[in-house]
C-alpha atoms as a PDB file:
ATOM      1  CA  MET A   1     110.009 124.397  84.561  1.00  0.00           C
ATOM      2  CA  GLU A   2     107.827 124.810  87.641  1.00  0.00           C
ATOM      3  CA  LYS A   3     104.844 124.899  85.294  1.00  0.00           C
ATOM      4  CA  LEU A   4     105.532 121.202  84.585  1.00  0.00           C
ATOM      5  CA  TYR A   5     105.604 120.144  88.261  1.00  0.00           C
ATOM      6  CA  PRO A   6     101.836 119.605  88.327  1.00  0.00           C
ATOM      7  CA  VAL A   7     102.096 117.268  85.325  1.00  0.00           C
ATOM      8  CA  PHE A   8     104.759 115.153  87.023  1.00  0.00           C
ATOM      9  CA  LEU A   9     102.944 115.155  90.360  1.00  0.00           C
ATOM     10  CA  LEU A  10      99.581 114.364  88.760  1.00  0.00           C
ATOM     11  CA  THR A  11     101.182 111.464  86.923  1.00  0.00           C
ATOM     12  CA  ALA A  12     102.640 110.067  90.144  1.00  0.00           C
ATOM     13  CA  ALA A  13      99.330 110.594  91.953  1.00  0.00           C
ATOM     14  CA  ASN A  14      97.458 108.779  89.207  1.00  0.00           C
ATOM     15  CA  VAL A  15      99.716 105.752  89.498  1.00  0.00           C
ATOM     16  CA  PHE A  16      98.648 105.478  93.136  1.00  0.00           C
ATOM     17  CA  LEU A  17      95.037 106.216  92.207  1.00  0.00           C
ATOM     18  CA  CYS A  18      95.027 103.338  89.741  1.00  0.00           C
ATOM     19  CA  LEU A  19      96.590 101.045  92.302  1.00  0.00           C
ATOM     20  CA  ALA A  20      94.124 102.048  95.015  1.00  0.00           C
ATOM     21  CA  TRP A  21      91.138 101.428  92.779  1.00  0.00           C
ATOM     22  CA  TYR A  22      92.138  98.318  90.848  1.00  0.00           C
ATOM     23  CA  TRP A  23      95.102  96.391  92.356  1.00  0.00           C
ATOM     24  CA  HIS A  24      92.799  94.095  94.305  1.00  0.00           C
ATOM     25  CA  LEU A  25      90.840  92.807  91.318  1.00  0.00           C
ATOM     26  CA  LYS A  26      93.311  89.933  90.975  1.00  0.00           C
ATOM     27  CA  ILE A  27      93.076  89.054  94.679  1.00  0.00           C
ATOM     28  CA  ASN A  28      90.138  86.978  95.860  1.00  0.00           C
ATOM     29  CA  ASP A  29      91.500  85.333  99.005  1.00  0.00           C
ATOM     30  CA  LYS A  30      91.467  88.374 101.312  1.00  0.00           C
ATOM     31  CA  PRO A  31      88.490  89.726 103.274  1.00  0.00           C
ATOM     32  CA  ILE A  32      86.987  92.862 101.766  1.00  0.00           C
ATOM     33  CA  PHE A  33      87.701  94.998 104.854  1.00  0.00           C
ATOM     34  CA  ILE A  34      91.436  94.224 104.519  1.00  0.00           C
ATOM     35  CA  ILE A  35      91.303  95.183 100.843  1.00  0.00           C
ATOM     36  CA  ILE A  36      89.515  98.424 101.754  1.00  0.00           C
ATOM     37  CA  LEU A  37      92.097  99.337 104.410  1.00  0.00           C
ATOM     38  CA  ILE A  38      94.972  98.690 102.026  1.00  0.00           C
ATOM     39  CA  SER A  39      93.252 100.708  99.288  1.00  0.00           C
ATOM     40  CA  TRP A  40      92.703 103.587 101.718  1.00  0.00           C
ATOM     41  CA  GLY A  41      96.394 103.525 102.569  1.00  0.00           C
ATOM     42  CA  ILE A  42      97.325 103.679  98.899  1.00  0.00           C
ATOM     43  CA  ALA A  43      94.756 106.441  98.303  1.00  0.00           C
ATOM     44  CA  PHE A  44      96.266 108.426 101.196  1.00  0.00           C
ATOM     45  CA  ILE A  45      99.589 108.478  99.343  1.00  0.00           C
ATOM     46  CA  GLU A  46      97.754 109.543  96.187  1.00  0.00           C
ATOM     47  CA  TYR A  47      96.134 112.465  98.020  1.00  0.00           C
ATOM     48  CA  CYS A  48      99.474 113.499  99.516  1.00  0.00           C
ATOM     49  CA  ILE A  49     100.712 113.954  95.950  1.00  0.00           C
ATOM     50  CA  GLN A  50      97.482 115.166  94.323  1.00  0.00           C
ATOM     51  CA  VAL A  51      96.839 118.069  96.700  1.00  0.00           C
ATOM     52  CA  PRO A  52     100.264 119.719  96.175  1.00  0.00           C
ATOM     53  CA  ALA A  53      99.954 119.075  92.432  1.00  0.00           C
ATOM     54  CA  ASN A  54      96.707 121.021  92.309  1.00  0.00           C
ATOM     55  CA  ARG A  55      97.934 123.787  94.605  1.00  0.00           C
ATOM     56  CA  ILE A  56     101.059 124.304  92.491  1.00  0.00           C
ATOM     57  CA  GLY A  57      99.119 123.867  89.269  1.00  0.00           C
ATOM     58  CA  TYR A  58      96.533 126.470  90.213  1.00  0.00           C
ATOM     59  CA  ARG A  59      99.267 129.106  89.994  1.00  0.00           C
ATOM     60  CA  TYR A  60      99.502 128.448  86.258  1.00  0.00           C
ATOM     61  CA  TYR A  61      96.263 126.766  85.173  1.00  0.00           C
ATOM     62  CA  THR A  62      92.547 127.179  85.720  1.00  0.00           C
ATOM     63  CA  VAL A  63      90.617 124.554  87.660  1.00  0.00           C
ATOM     64  CA  GLY A  64      89.101 123.314  84.395  1.00  0.00           C
ATOM     65  CA  GLN A  65      92.519 122.996  82.807  1.00  0.00           C
ATOM     66  CA  LEU A  66      93.805 121.077  85.829  1.00  0.00           C
ATOM     67  CA  LYS A  67      90.826 118.724  85.680  1.00  0.00           C
ATOM     68  CA  VAL A  68      91.205 117.985  81.969  1.00  0.00           C
ATOM     69  CA  MET A  69      94.960 117.539  82.438  1.00  0.00           C
ATOM     70  CA  GLN A  70      94.257 115.077  85.249  1.00  0.00           C
ATOM     71  CA  GLU A  71      91.767 113.130  83.106  1.00  0.00           C
ATOM     72  CA  VAL A  72      94.239 112.798  80.235  1.00  0.00           C
ATOM     73  CA  ILE A  73      96.946 111.629  82.617  1.00  0.00           C
ATOM     74  CA  THR A  74      94.485 109.208  84.239  1.00  0.00           C
ATOM     75  CA  MET A  75      93.616 107.669  80.879  1.00  0.00           C
ATOM     76  CA  VAL A  76      97.280 107.223  79.920  1.00  0.00           C
ATOM     77  CA  VAL A  77      98.209 105.718  83.296  1.00  0.00           C
ATOM     78  CA  PHE A  78      95.123 103.496  83.205  1.00  0.00           C
ATOM     79  CA  ALA A  79      95.999 102.228  79.717  1.00  0.00           C
ATOM     80  CA  PHE A  80      99.458 101.178  80.916  1.00  0.00           C
ATOM     81  CA  PHE A  81      97.981  99.643  84.064  1.00  0.00           C
ATOM     82  CA  SER A  82      95.389  97.713  82.048  1.00  0.00           C
ATOM     83  CA  VAL A  83      97.971  96.274  79.694  1.00  0.00           C
ATOM     84  CA  PHE A  84     100.869  95.577  82.049  1.00  0.00           C
ATOM     85  CA  TYR A  85      99.161  94.691  85.344  1.00  0.00           C
ATOM     86  CA  MET A  86      95.700  93.482  84.369  1.00  0.00           C
ATOM     87  CA  LYS A  87      96.997  91.882  81.135  1.00  0.00           C
ATOM     88  CA  GLU A  88      94.093  93.254  79.109  1.00  0.00           C
ATOM     89  CA  LYS A  89      94.305  94.176  75.462  1.00  0.00           C
ATOM     90  CA  LEU A  90      94.505  97.786  74.449  1.00  0.00           C
ATOM     91  CA  THR A  91      91.489  98.248  72.200  1.00  0.00           C
ATOM     92  CA  LEU A  92      90.368 100.926  69.800  1.00  0.00           C
ATOM     93  CA  ASP A  93      88.098 102.186  72.569  1.00  0.00           C
ATOM     94  CA  PHE A  94      91.183 103.625  74.283  1.00  0.00           C
ATOM     95  CA  LEU A  95      92.085 105.399  71.037  1.00  0.00           C
ATOM     96  CA  PHE A  96      88.575 106.811  70.645  1.00  0.00           C
ATOM     97  CA  ALA A  97      88.505 107.924  74.290  1.00  0.00           C
ATOM     98  CA  GLY A  98      91.911 109.519  73.749  1.00  0.00           C
ATOM     99  CA  ILE A  99      90.619 111.415  70.725  1.00  0.00           C
ATOM    100  CA  CYS A 100      87.757 112.747  72.826  1.00  0.00           C
ATOM    101  CA  LEU A 101      90.242 113.823  75.493  1.00  0.00           C
ATOM    102  CA  VAL A 102      92.333 115.621  72.860  1.00  0.00           C
ATOM    103  CA  GLY A 103      89.174 117.573  72.040  1.00  0.00           C
ATOM    104  CA  ALA A 104      88.698 118.384  75.725  1.00  0.00           C
ATOM    105  CA  VAL A 105      92.309 119.555  75.973  1.00  0.00           C
ATOM    106  CA  PHE A 106      91.855 121.730  72.897  1.00  0.00           C
ATOM    107  CA  PHE A 107      88.786 123.471  74.272  1.00  0.00           C
ATOM    108  CA  MET A 108      90.201 123.960  77.782  1.00  0.00           C
ATOM    109  CA  PHE A 109      93.581 125.287  76.600  1.00  0.00           C
ATOM    110  CA  ARG A 110      92.750 127.066  73.340  1.00  0.00           C
ATOM    111  CA  HIS A 111      92.856 130.530  74.925  1.00  0.00           C
ATOM    112  CA  ALA A 112      96.064 129.793  76.818  1.00  0.00           C
ATOM    113  CA  PHE A 113      98.277 129.950  73.746  1.00  0.00           C
END
């Protein structure tokens, strides 16, 4: 079960990552330095989750596996964020990017099984 902790933590961290990077795109009435400070605060929370995720994950996975895992999680979280917060359409480009990520997962984990 502990082997799954990094997946859960990376998912939570990526929610904050997405927020830190993109939440402000719908806000145009605030000065940029305020937006930056808020984004840094959100990113701080992300790092507080990301660092333990990687430290725990490194017990079970290689650095490359952790990175590919993080990228897959990022793409999934970003797809939800794009659709539900930014109100953008999910296009075939997300599917094609996902297929490429499946290939990356295959190559990074093929010797693990």
